[in-house]
C-alpha atoms as a PDB file:
ATOM      1  CA  MET A   1      57.493 115.853 168.493  1.00  0.00           C
ATOM      2  CA  ARG A   2      57.531 118.828 170.574  1.00  0.00           C
ATOM      3  CA  ALA A   3      59.299 122.380 170.151  1.00  0.00           C
ATOM      4  CA  GLU A   4      59.595 124.936 172.877  1.00  0.00           C
ATOM      5  CA  ARG A   5      61.021 128.226 172.461  1.00  0.00           C
ATOM      6  CA  ARG A   6      63.690 129.045 175.476  1.00  0.00           C
ATOM      7  CA  THR A   7      66.027 131.570 176.127  1.00  0.00           C
ATOM      8  CA  VAL A   8      69.381 131.598 177.833  1.00  0.00           C
ATOM      9  CA  ARG A   9      70.820 134.467 179.884  1.00  0.00           C
ATOM     10  CA  VAL A  10      74.409 135.350 178.818  1.00  0.00           C
ATOM     11  CA  ASP A  11      76.325 137.440 181.323  1.00  0.00           C
ATOM     12  CA  ARG A  12      79.973 136.599 181.186  1.00  0.00           C
ATOM     13  CA  PHE A  13      81.106 139.547 178.982  1.00  0.00           C
ATOM     14  CA  GLU A  14      82.223 142.652 181.031  1.00  0.00           C
ATOM     15  CA  THR A  15      82.143 144.746 177.181  1.00  0.00           C
ATOM     16  CA  PRO A  16      80.687 144.366 173.942  1.00  0.00           C
ATOM     17  CA  GLU A  17      84.409 144.282 172.941  1.00  0.00           C
ATOM     18  CA  MET A  18      84.999 141.159 174.924  1.00  0.00           C
ATOM     19  CA  PHE A  19      81.740 139.489 173.434  1.00  0.00           C
ATOM     20  CA  ARG A  20      83.583 140.526 169.962  1.00  0.00           C
ATOM     21  CA  ASP A  21      86.931 138.866 171.038  1.00  0.00           C
ATOM     22  CA  TYR A  22      85.281 135.655 172.585  1.00  0.00           C
ATOM     23  CA  PHE A  23      83.674 135.037 169.153  1.00  0.00           C
ATOM     24  CA  LYS A  24      86.775 136.094 167.079  1.00  0.00           C
ATOM     25  CA  GLU A  25      89.138 133.814 168.944  1.00  0.00           C
ATOM     26  CA  ARG A  26      86.893 130.699 169.838  1.00  0.00           C
ATOM     27  CA  TYR A  27      83.514 130.699 167.664  1.00  0.00           C
ATOM     28  CA  GLY A  28      84.557 128.513 164.440  1.00  0.00           C
ATOM     29  CA  PRO A  29      82.231 130.573 161.844  1.00  0.00           C
ATOM     30  CA  THR A  30      83.453 133.813 163.050  1.00  0.00           C
ATOM     31  CA  ILE A  31      87.203 132.487 162.911  1.00  0.00           C
ATOM     32  CA  THR A  32      86.726 131.463 159.403  1.00  0.00           C
ATOM     33  CA  VAL A  33      85.105 134.872 158.254  1.00  0.00           C
ATOM     34  CA  TYR A  34      88.363 136.769 159.883  1.00  0.00           C
ATOM     35  CA  LYS A  35      90.724 134.481 158.223  1.00  0.00           C
ATOM     36  CA  ASN A  36      89.193 134.978 154.703  1.00  0.00           C
ATOM     37  CA  ILE A  37      89.202 139.080 155.325  1.00  0.00           C
ATOM     38  CA  ALA A  38      92.579 139.052 157.164  1.00  0.00           C
ATOM     39  CA  GLY A  39      94.568 140.928 153.985  1.00  0.00           C
ATOM     40  CA  GLU A  40      91.431 143.424 154.010  1.00  0.00           C
ATOM     41  CA  PRO A  41      91.956 145.513 157.076  1.00  0.00           C
ATOM     42  CA  ASP A  42      88.757 147.988 156.415  1.00  0.00           C
ATOM     43  CA  ARG A  43      86.768 144.631 156.241  1.00  0.00           C
ATOM     44  CA  VAL A  44      88.190 143.461 159.499  1.00  0.00           C
ATOM     45  CA  ALA A  45      87.649 146.734 161.371  1.00  0.00           C
ATOM     46  CA  GLY A  46      84.059 146.707 160.193  1.00  0.00           C
ATOM     47  CA  LEU A  47      83.433 143.082 161.456  1.00  0.00           C
ATOM     48  CA  ASP A  48      84.872 144.194 164.672  1.00  0.00           C
ATOM     49  CA  ALA A  49      82.612 147.212 165.025  1.00  0.00           C
ATOM     50  CA  ALA A  50      79.556 145.214 163.949  1.00  0.00           C
ATOM     51  CA  LEU A  51      80.242 142.318 166.429  1.00  0.00           C
ATOM     52  CA  ALA A  52      80.608 144.672 169.150  1.00  0.00           C
ATOM     53  CA  GLU A  53      77.475 146.720 168.080  1.00  0.00           C
ATOM     54  CA  LEU A  54      75.542 143.413 168.131  1.00  0.00           C
ATOM     55  CA  ALA A  55      76.393 142.748 171.582  1.00  0.00           C
ATOM     56  CA  ARG A  56      75.609 146.691 172.429  1.00  0.00           C
ATOM     57  CA  ALA A  57      72.093 146.666 170.974  1.00  0.00           C
ATOM     58  CA  GLY A  58      71.244 143.321 172.525  1.00  0.00           C
ATOM     59  CA  ASP A  59      72.600 144.286 175.755  1.00  0.00           C
ATOM     60  CA  ALA A  60      69.386 143.940 178.178  1.00  0.00           C
ATOM     61  CA  GLY A  61      70.511 146.753 180.068  1.00  0.00           C
ATOM     62  CA  THR A  62      70.351 145.648 183.691  1.00  0.00           C
ATOM     63  CA  GLY A  63      72.872 148.092 184.910  1.00  0.00           C
ATOM     64  CA  GLY A  64      75.133 145.463 186.703  1.00  0.00           C
ATOM     65  CA  GLY A  65      78.283 146.617 185.054  1.00  0.00           C
ATOM     66  CA  GLY A  66      78.475 144.243 182.229  1.00  0.00           C
ATOM     67  CA  THR A  67      76.847 143.343 179.055  1.00  0.00           C
ATOM     68  CA  VAL A  68      73.762 140.831 179.518  1.00  0.00           C
ATOM     69  CA  LEU A  69      72.179 139.049 176.557  1.00  0.00           C
ATOM     70  CA  GLU A  70      69.161 136.998 176.387  1.00  0.00           C
ATOM     71  CA  TRP A  71      69.440 134.556 173.544  1.00  0.00           C
ATOM     72  CA  GLU A  72      66.446 132.446 172.137  1.00  0.00           C
ATOM     73  CA  TYR A  73      66.545 128.961 171.224  1.00  0.00           C
ATOM     74  CA  LEU A  74      64.642 126.298 169.954  1.00  0.00           C
ATOM     75  CA  LEU A  75      64.505 122.980 172.009  1.00  0.00           C
ATOM     76  CA  LEU A  76      63.020 120.028 169.498  1.00  0.00           C
ATOM     77  CA  THR A  77      62.373 116.815 171.594  1.00  0.00           C
ATOM     78  CA  ALA A  78      61.204 113.892 169.332  1.00  0.00           C
ATOM     79  CA  ARG A  79      60.633 110.116 170.456  1.00  0.00           C
ATOM     80  CA  ARG A  80      60.742 107.222 168.198  1.00  0.00           C
ATOM     81  CA  ALA A  81      57.360 105.400 167.966  1.00  0.00           C
ATOM     82  CA  GLY A  82      56.784 102.021 169.234  1.00  0.00           C
END
């Protein structure tokens, strides 16, 4: 078994708000949270702000006119013995 830490560069979002909207519309767990708080506008606004801030805080700041994020993940590779 081998574990490697890797990163992936995510540079498809022009703004932090585009990042928020992408996850709000396309990522299952985020969609579920929004559905669960749909009747609470203050909580929806808070989550909107928090997701945009997450992208803003994680922006690598390369100055290319868009939001650039470097996401870390763990690649685990295992082989069956024999």
